[in-house]
Amino acid sequence: MLVLSRKKNESIVIDGCIVVTIVEIKGDKVRLGIDAPKEVPVHRSEVFDAIHAEQAKPEPPTEACPTAGS
C-alpha cells in the first residue's frame, strides 16, 4: 500500500485519468473529491462489499410454469 500525505485542496493522480482531491478535513474525517471517467466505478468500501456479496448469492431456482391439470 502506498501512503501519501496531502493537505486540503491537494490531489493525487491515478493512472493519468483519476484525480483524488482532499476537499475538507474536520477532526478525524476527511472528505475526498474523486474525478474519474464514467466507466470507472467508484464506491465506498462497504458499498463495494455489499454489491459483491449480493452478486455472489446464488440465484433462486425458477419455478416451472404449472401445467394444466396439476
PDB file of N, CA and C in Angstrom:
ATOM      1  N   MET A   1       0.847  -1.173   0.000  1.00  0.00           N
ATOM      2  CA  MET A   1       0.000   0.000   0.000  1.00  0.00           C
ATOM      3  C   MET A   1       0.891   1.234   0.000  1.00  0.00           C
ATOM      4  N   LEU A   2       0.562   2.135  -0.896  1.00  0.00           N
ATOM      5  CA  LEU A   2       1.256   3.414  -0.948  1.00  0.00           C
ATOM      6  C   LEU A   2       0.542   4.377  -0.010  1.00  0.00           C
ATOM      7  N   VAL A   3       1.284   5.039   0.851  1.00  0.00           N
ATOM      8  CA  VAL A   3       0.704   6.004   1.790  1.00  0.00           C
ATOM      9  C   VAL A   3       1.281   7.378   1.459  1.00  0.00           C
ATOM     10  N   LEU A   4       0.391   8.344   1.209  1.00  0.00           N
ATOM     11  CA  LEU A   4       0.806   9.695   0.859  1.00  0.00           C
ATOM     12  C   LEU A   4       0.223  10.692   1.850  1.00  0.00           C
ATOM     13  N   SER A   5       0.919  11.776   2.075  1.00  0.00           N
ATOM     14  CA  SER A   5       0.395  12.866   2.883  1.00  0.00           C
ATOM     15  C   SER A   5      -0.077  13.960   1.938  1.00  0.00           C
ATOM     16  N   ARG A   6      -1.255  14.505   2.198  1.00  0.00           N
ATOM     17  CA  ARG A   6      -1.820  15.582   1.392  1.00  0.00           C
ATOM     18  C   ARG A   6      -2.481  16.576   2.320  1.00  0.00           C
ATOM     19  N   LYS A   7      -2.522  17.828   1.921  1.00  0.00           N
ATOM     20  CA  LYS A   7      -3.212  18.869   2.653  1.00  0.00           C
ATOM     21  C   LYS A   7      -4.487  19.219   1.906  1.00  0.00           C
ATOM     22  N   LYS A   8      -5.339  20.008   2.545  1.00  0.00           N
ATOM     23  CA  LYS A   8      -6.583  20.435   1.917  1.00  0.00           C
ATOM     24  C   LYS A   8      -6.297  21.059   0.550  1.00  0.00           C
ATOM     25  N   ASN A   9      -7.123  20.696  -0.419  1.00  0.00           N
ATOM     26  CA  ASN A   9      -7.038  21.159  -1.813  1.00  0.00           C
ATOM     27  C   ASN A   9      -5.872  20.567  -2.593  1.00  0.00           C
ATOM     28  N   GLU A  10      -5.131  19.639  -2.015  1.00  0.00           N
ATOM     29  CA  GLU A  10      -4.087  18.944  -2.763  1.00  0.00           C
ATOM     30  C   GLU A  10      -4.666  17.655  -3.333  1.00  0.00           C
ATOM     31  N   SER A  11      -4.055  17.153  -4.397  1.00  0.00           N
ATOM     32  CA  SER A  11      -4.592  15.995  -5.111  1.00  0.00           C
ATOM     33  C   SER A  11      -3.528  14.945  -5.354  1.00  0.00           C
ATOM     34  N   ILE A  12      -4.013  13.764  -5.726  1.00  0.00           N
ATOM     35  CA  ILE A  12      -3.158  12.724  -6.287  1.00  0.00           C
ATOM     36  C   ILE A  12      -3.799  12.283  -7.594  1.00  0.00           C
ATOM     37  N   VAL A  13      -3.002  11.820  -8.522  1.00  0.00           N
ATOM     38  CA  VAL A  13      -3.487  11.368  -9.821  1.00  0.00           C
ATOM     39  C   VAL A  13      -3.171   9.885  -9.949  1.00  0.00           C
ATOM     40  N   ILE A  14      -4.177   9.111 -10.355  1.00  0.00           N
ATOM     41  CA  ILE A  14      -4.020   7.670 -10.520  1.00  0.00           C
ATOM     42  C   ILE A  14      -4.187   7.335 -11.999  1.00  0.00           C
ATOM     43  N   ASP A  15      -3.189   6.738 -12.571  1.00  0.00           N
ATOM     44  CA  ASP A  15      -3.223   6.259 -13.954  1.00  0.00           C
ATOM     45  C   ASP A  15      -3.543   7.372 -14.954  1.00  0.00           C
ATOM     46  N   GLY A  16      -3.266   8.605 -14.599  1.00  0.00           N
ATOM     47  CA  GLY A  16      -3.452   9.709 -15.518  1.00  0.00           C
ATOM     48  C   GLY A  16      -4.888  10.120 -15.784  1.00  0.00           C
ATOM     49  N   CYS A  17      -5.863   9.384 -15.221  1.00  0.00           N
ATOM     50  CA  CYS A  17      -7.261   9.705 -15.531  1.00  0.00           C
ATOM     51  C   CYS A  17      -8.142   9.815 -14.290  1.00  0.00           C
ATOM     52  N   ILE A  18      -7.635   9.501 -13.115  1.00  0.00           N
ATOM     53  CA  ILE A  18      -8.415   9.588 -11.883  1.00  0.00           C
ATOM     54  C   ILE A  18      -7.702  10.562 -10.955  1.00  0.00           C
ATOM     55  N   VAL A  19      -8.446  11.578 -10.500  1.00  0.00           N
ATOM     56  CA  VAL A  19      -7.867  12.579  -9.601  1.00  0.00           C
ATOM     57  C   VAL A  19      -8.621  12.520  -8.284  1.00  0.00           C
ATOM     58  N   VAL A  20      -7.884  12.345  -7.196  1.00  0.00           N
ATOM     59  CA  VAL A  20      -8.460  12.332  -5.857  1.00  0.00           C
ATOM     60  C   VAL A  20      -7.962  13.596  -5.153  1.00  0.00           C
ATOM     61  N   THR A  21      -8.921  14.443  -4.720  1.00  0.00           N
ATOM     62  CA  THR A  21      -8.588  15.721  -4.098  1.00  0.00           C
ATOM     63  C   THR A  21      -9.096  15.743  -2.657  1.00  0.00           C
ATOM     64  N   ILE A  22      -8.273  16.253  -1.748  1.00  0.00           N
ATOM     65  CA  ILE A  22      -8.704  16.445  -0.367  1.00  0.00           C
ATOM     66  C   ILE A  22      -9.569  17.702  -0.355  1.00  0.00           C
ATOM     67  N   VAL A  23     -10.861  17.538  -0.078  1.00  0.00           N
ATOM     68  CA  VAL A  23     -11.805  18.648  -0.113  1.00  0.00           C
ATOM     69  C   VAL A  23     -11.910  19.321   1.246  1.00  0.00           C
ATOM     70  N   GLU A  24     -11.944  18.511   2.313  1.00  0.00           N
ATOM     71  CA  GLU A  24     -12.144  19.074   3.646  1.00  0.00           C
ATOM     72  C   GLU A  24     -11.560  18.131   4.689  1.00  0.00           C
ATOM     73  N   ILE A  25     -11.040  18.689   5.751  1.00  0.00           N
ATOM     74  CA  ILE A  25     -10.551  17.916   6.891  1.00  0.00           C
ATOM     75  C   ILE A  25     -11.215  18.499   8.129  1.00  0.00           C
ATOM     76  N   LYS A  26     -12.014  17.665   8.826  1.00  0.00           N
ATOM     77  CA  LYS A  26     -12.680  18.080  10.061  1.00  0.00           C
ATOM     78  C   LYS A  26     -12.449  17.011  11.102  1.00  0.00           C
ATOM     79  N   GLY A  27     -11.646  17.319  12.097  1.00  0.00           N
ATOM     80  CA  GLY A  27     -11.377  16.340  13.150  1.00  0.00           C
ATOM     81  C   GLY A  27     -10.763  15.083  12.558  1.00  0.00           C
ATOM     82  N   ASP A  28     -11.445  13.938  12.763  1.00  0.00           N
ATOM     83  CA  ASP A  28     -10.918  12.669  12.260  1.00  0.00           C
ATOM     84  C   ASP A  28     -11.550  12.270  10.930  1.00  0.00           C
ATOM     85  N   LYS A  29     -12.272  13.195  10.270  1.00  0.00           N
ATOM     86  CA  LYS A  29     -12.910  12.893   8.990  1.00  0.00           C
ATOM     87  C   LYS A  29     -12.255  13.693   7.871  1.00  0.00           C
ATOM     88  N   VAL A  30     -12.093  13.011   6.752  1.00  0.00           N
ATOM     89  CA  VAL A  30     -11.524  13.643   5.563  1.00  0.00           C
ATOM     90  C   VAL A  30     -12.524  13.464   4.426  1.00  0.00           C
ATOM     91  N   ARG A  31     -12.880  14.552   3.766  1.00  0.00           N
ATOM     92  CA  ARG A  31     -13.773  14.478   2.604  1.00  0.00           C
ATOM     93  C   ARG A  31     -12.917  14.488   1.353  1.00  0.00           C
ATOM     94  N   LEU A  32     -13.188  13.541   0.486  1.00  0.00           N
ATOM     95  CA  LEU A  32     -12.443  13.403  -0.757  1.00  0.00           C
ATOM     96  C   LEU A  32     -13.331  13.724  -1.943  1.00  0.00           C
ATOM     97  N   GLY A  33     -12.764  14.354  -2.942  1.00  0.00           N
ATOM     98  CA  GLY A  33     -13.423  14.524  -4.223  1.00  0.00           C
ATOM     99  C   GLY A  33     -12.726  13.612  -5.213  1.00  0.00           C
ATOM    100  N   ILE A  34     -13.505  12.855  -5.974  1.00  0.00           N
ATOM    101  CA  ILE A  34     -12.924  11.898  -6.915  1.00  0.00           C
ATOM    102  C   ILE A  34     -13.436  12.216  -8.306  1.00  0.00           C
ATOM    103  N   ASP A  35     -12.519  12.503  -9.206  1.00  0.00           N
ATOM    104  CA  ASP A  35     -12.853  12.779 -10.593  1.00  0.00           C
ATOM    105  C   ASP A  35     -12.339  11.600 -11.407  1.00  0.00           C
ATOM    106  N   ALA A  36     -13.285  10.814 -11.943  1.00  0.00           N
ATOM    107  CA  ALA A  36     -12.922   9.609 -12.683  1.00  0.00           C
ATOM    108  C   ALA A  36     -13.823   9.483 -13.902  1.00  0.00           C
ATOM    109  N   PRO A  37     -13.369   8.785 -14.933  1.00  0.00           N
ATOM    110  CA  PRO A  37     -14.233   8.553 -16.092  1.00  0.00           C
ATOM    111  C   PRO A  37     -15.499   7.800 -15.679  1.00  0.00           C
ATOM    112  N   LYS A  38     -16.601   8.028 -16.410  1.00  0.00           N
ATOM    113  CA  LYS A  38     -17.880   7.400 -16.063  1.00  0.00           C
ATOM    114  C   LYS A  38     -17.799   5.882 -16.053  1.00  0.00           C
ATOM    115  N   GLU A  39     -16.939   5.311 -16.879  1.00  0.00           N
ATOM    116  CA  GLU A  39     -16.859   3.844 -16.955  1.00  0.00           C
ATOM    117  C   GLU A  39     -16.073   3.239 -15.796  1.00  0.00           C
ATOM    118  N   VAL A  40     -15.502   4.064 -14.931  1.00  0.00           N
ATOM    119  CA  VAL A  40     -14.769   3.573 -13.765  1.00  0.00           C
ATOM    120  C   VAL A  40     -15.684   3.655 -12.553  1.00  0.00           C
ATOM    121  N   PRO A  41     -16.129   2.505 -12.021  1.00  0.00           N
ATOM    122  CA  PRO A  41     -16.985   2.555 -10.839  1.00  0.00           C
ATOM    123  C   PRO A  41     -16.194   3.005  -9.610  1.00  0.00           C
ATOM    124  N   VAL A  42     -16.807   3.885  -8.824  1.00  0.00           N
ATOM    125  CA  VAL A  42     -16.187   4.379  -7.594  1.00  0.00           C
ATOM    126  C   VAL A  42     -17.198   4.186  -6.472  1.00  0.00           C
ATOM    127  N   HIS A  43     -16.846   3.404  -5.454  1.00  0.00           N
ATOM    128  CA  HIS A  43     -17.738   3.115  -4.334  1.00  0.00           C
ATOM    129  C   HIS A  43     -16.961   3.193  -3.024  1.00  0.00           C
ATOM    130  N   ARG A  44     -17.670   3.519  -1.943  1.00  0.00           N
ATOM    131  CA  ARG A  44     -17.073   3.349  -0.612  1.00  0.00           C
ATOM    132  C   ARG A  44     -16.891   1.843  -0.410  1.00  0.00           C
ATOM    133  N   SER A  45     -15.954   1.445   0.412  1.00  0.00           N
ATOM    134  CA  SER A  45     -15.640   0.014   0.558  1.00  0.00           C
ATOM    135  C   SER A  45     -16.833  -0.793   1.050  1.00  0.00           C
ATOM    136  N   GLU A  46     -17.653  -0.240   1.977  1.00  0.00           N
ATOM    137  CA  GLU A  46     -18.790  -1.009   2.479  1.00  0.00           C
ATOM    138  C   GLU A  46     -19.855  -1.199   1.397  1.00  0.00           C
ATOM    139  N   VAL A  47     -20.001  -0.227   0.503  1.00  0.00           N
ATOM    140  CA  VAL A  47     -20.944  -0.376  -0.616  1.00  0.00           C
ATOM    141  C   VAL A  47     -20.396  -1.404  -1.609  1.00  0.00           C
ATOM    142  N   PHE A  48     -19.124  -1.320  -1.904  1.00  0.00           N
ATOM    143  CA  PHE A  48     -18.464  -2.279  -2.797  1.00  0.00           C
ATOM    144  C   PHE A  48     -18.634  -3.702  -2.274  1.00  0.00           C
ATOM    145  N   ASP A  49     -18.402  -3.896  -0.971  1.00  0.00           N
ATOM    146  CA  ASP A  49     -18.547  -5.226  -0.365  1.00  0.00           C
ATOM    147  C   ASP A  49     -19.990  -5.719  -0.459  1.00  0.00           C
ATOM    148  N   ALA A  50     -20.955  -4.840  -0.220  1.00  0.00           N
ATOM    149  CA  ALA A  50     -22.368  -5.230  -0.291  1.00  0.00           C
ATOM    150  C   ALA A  50     -22.753  -5.616  -1.712  1.00  0.00           C
ATOM    151  N   ILE A  51     -22.273  -4.867  -2.693  1.00  0.00           N
ATOM    152  CA  ILE A  51     -22.567  -5.180  -4.094  1.00  0.00           C
ATOM    153  C   ILE A  51     -22.020  -6.549  -4.444  1.00  0.00           C
ATOM    154  N   HIS A  52     -20.786  -6.815  -4.058  1.00  0.00           N
ATOM    155  CA  HIS A  52     -20.174  -8.098  -4.404  1.00  0.00           C
ATOM    156  C   HIS A  52     -20.767  -9.252  -3.605  1.00  0.00           C
ATOM    157  N   ALA A  53     -21.201  -9.006  -2.381  1.00  0.00           N
ATOM    158  CA  ALA A  53     -21.860 -10.061  -1.600  1.00  0.00           C
ATOM    159  C   ALA A  53     -23.190 -10.423  -2.255  1.00  0.00           C
ATOM    160  N   GLU A  54     -23.911  -9.423  -2.735  1.00  0.00           N
ATOM    161  CA  GLU A  54     -25.191  -9.660  -3.403  1.00  0.00           C
ATOM    162  C   GLU A  54     -24.982 -10.426  -4.706  1.00  0.00           C
ATOM    163  N   GLN A  55     -23.950 -10.079  -5.440  1.00  0.00           N
ATOM    164  CA  GLN A  55     -23.668 -10.760  -6.708  1.00  0.00           C
ATOM    165  C   GLN A  55     -23.215 -12.201  -6.476  1.00  0.00           C
ATOM    166  N   ALA A  56     -22.651 -12.488  -5.312  1.00  0.00           N
ATOM    167  CA  ALA A  56     -22.156 -13.835  -5.024  1.00  0.00           C
ATOM    168  C   ALA A  56     -23.265 -14.780  -4.583  1.00  0.00           C
ATOM    169  N   LYS A  57     -24.433 -14.229  -4.220  1.00  0.00           N
ATOM    170  CA  LYS A  57     -25.538 -15.082  -3.800  1.00  0.00           C
ATOM    171  C   LYS A  57     -26.027 -15.905  -4.980  1.00  0.00           C
ATOM    172  N   PRO A  58     -26.332 -17.179  -4.722  1.00  0.00           N
ATOM    173  CA  PRO A  58     -26.853 -17.995  -5.821  1.00  0.00           C
ATOM    174  C   PRO A  58     -28.254 -17.523  -6.199  1.00  0.00           C
ATOM    175  N   GLU A  59     -28.553 -17.634  -7.469  1.00  0.00           N
ATOM    176  CA  GLU A  59     -29.885 -17.270  -7.960  1.00  0.00           C
ATOM    177  C   GLU A  59     -30.906 -18.259  -7.401  1.00  0.00           C
ATOM    178  N   PRO A  60     -32.069 -17.776  -6.967  1.00  0.00           N
ATOM    179  CA  PRO A  60     -33.092 -18.699  -6.503  1.00  0.00           C
ATOM    180  C   PRO A  60     -33.610 -19.504  -7.690  1.00  0.00           C
ATOM    181  N   PRO A  61     -33.965 -20.755  -7.445  1.00  0.00           N
ATOM    182  CA  PRO A  61     -34.443 -21.580  -8.561  1.00  0.00           C
ATOM    183  C   PRO A  61     -35.746 -20.998  -9.098  1.00  0.00           C
ATOM    184  N   THR A  62     -35.871 -21.046 -10.415  1.00  0.00           N
ATOM    185  CA  THR A  62     -37.108 -20.559 -11.018  1.00  0.00           C
ATOM    186  C   THR A  62     -38.082 -21.710 -11.101  1.00  0.00           C
ATOM    187  N   GLU A  63     -39.320 -21.416 -10.789  1.00  0.00           N
ATOM    188  CA  GLU A  63     -40.337 -22.458 -10.842  1.00  0.00           C
ATOM    189  C   GLU A  63     -40.799 -22.637 -12.281  1.00  0.00           C
ATOM    190  N   ALA A  64     -40.998 -23.877 -12.645  1.00  0.00           N
ATOM    191  CA  ALA A  64     -41.516 -24.142 -13.974  1.00  0.00           C
ATOM    192  C   ALA A  64     -42.968 -23.715 -14.003  1.00  0.00           C
ATOM    193  N   CYS A  65     -43.416 -23.350 -15.186  1.00  0.00           N
ATOM    194  CA  CYS A  65     -44.811 -22.966 -15.327  1.00  0.00           C
ATOM    195  C   CYS A  65     -45.679 -24.175 -14.993  1.00  0.00           C
ATOM    196  N   PRO A  66     -46.718 -23.962 -14.162  1.00  0.00           N
ATOM    197  CA  PRO A  66     -47.576 -25.111 -13.834  1.00  0.00           C
ATOM    198  C   PRO A  66     -48.316 -25.591 -15.082  1.00  0.00           C
ATOM    199  N   THR A  67     -48.382 -26.898 -15.186  1.00  0.00           N
ATOM    200  CA  THR A  67     -49.090 -27.469 -16.346  1.00  0.00           C
ATOM    201  C   THR A  67     -50.564 -27.619 -16.025  1.00  0.00           C
ATOM    202  N   ALA A  68     -51.352 -27.654 -17.029  1.00  0.00           N
ATOM    203  CA  ALA A  68     -52.805 -27.785 -16.856  1.00  0.00           C
ATOM    204  C   ALA A  68     -53.099 -29.089 -16.140  1.00  0.00           C
ATOM    205  N   GLY A  69     -54.028 -29.049 -15.216  1.00  0.00           N
ATOM    206  CA  GLY A  69     -54.435 -30.250 -14.511  1.00  0.00           C
ATOM    207  C   GLY A  69     -53.554 -30.606 -13.334  1.00  0.00           C
ATOM    208  N   SER A  70     -52.563 -29.797 -12.954  1.00  0.00           N
ATOM    209  CA  SER A  70     -51.750 -30.160 -11.803  1.00  0.00           C
ATOM    210  C   SER A  70     -52.210 -29.472 -10.569  1.00  0.00           C
TER     211      SER A  70
END
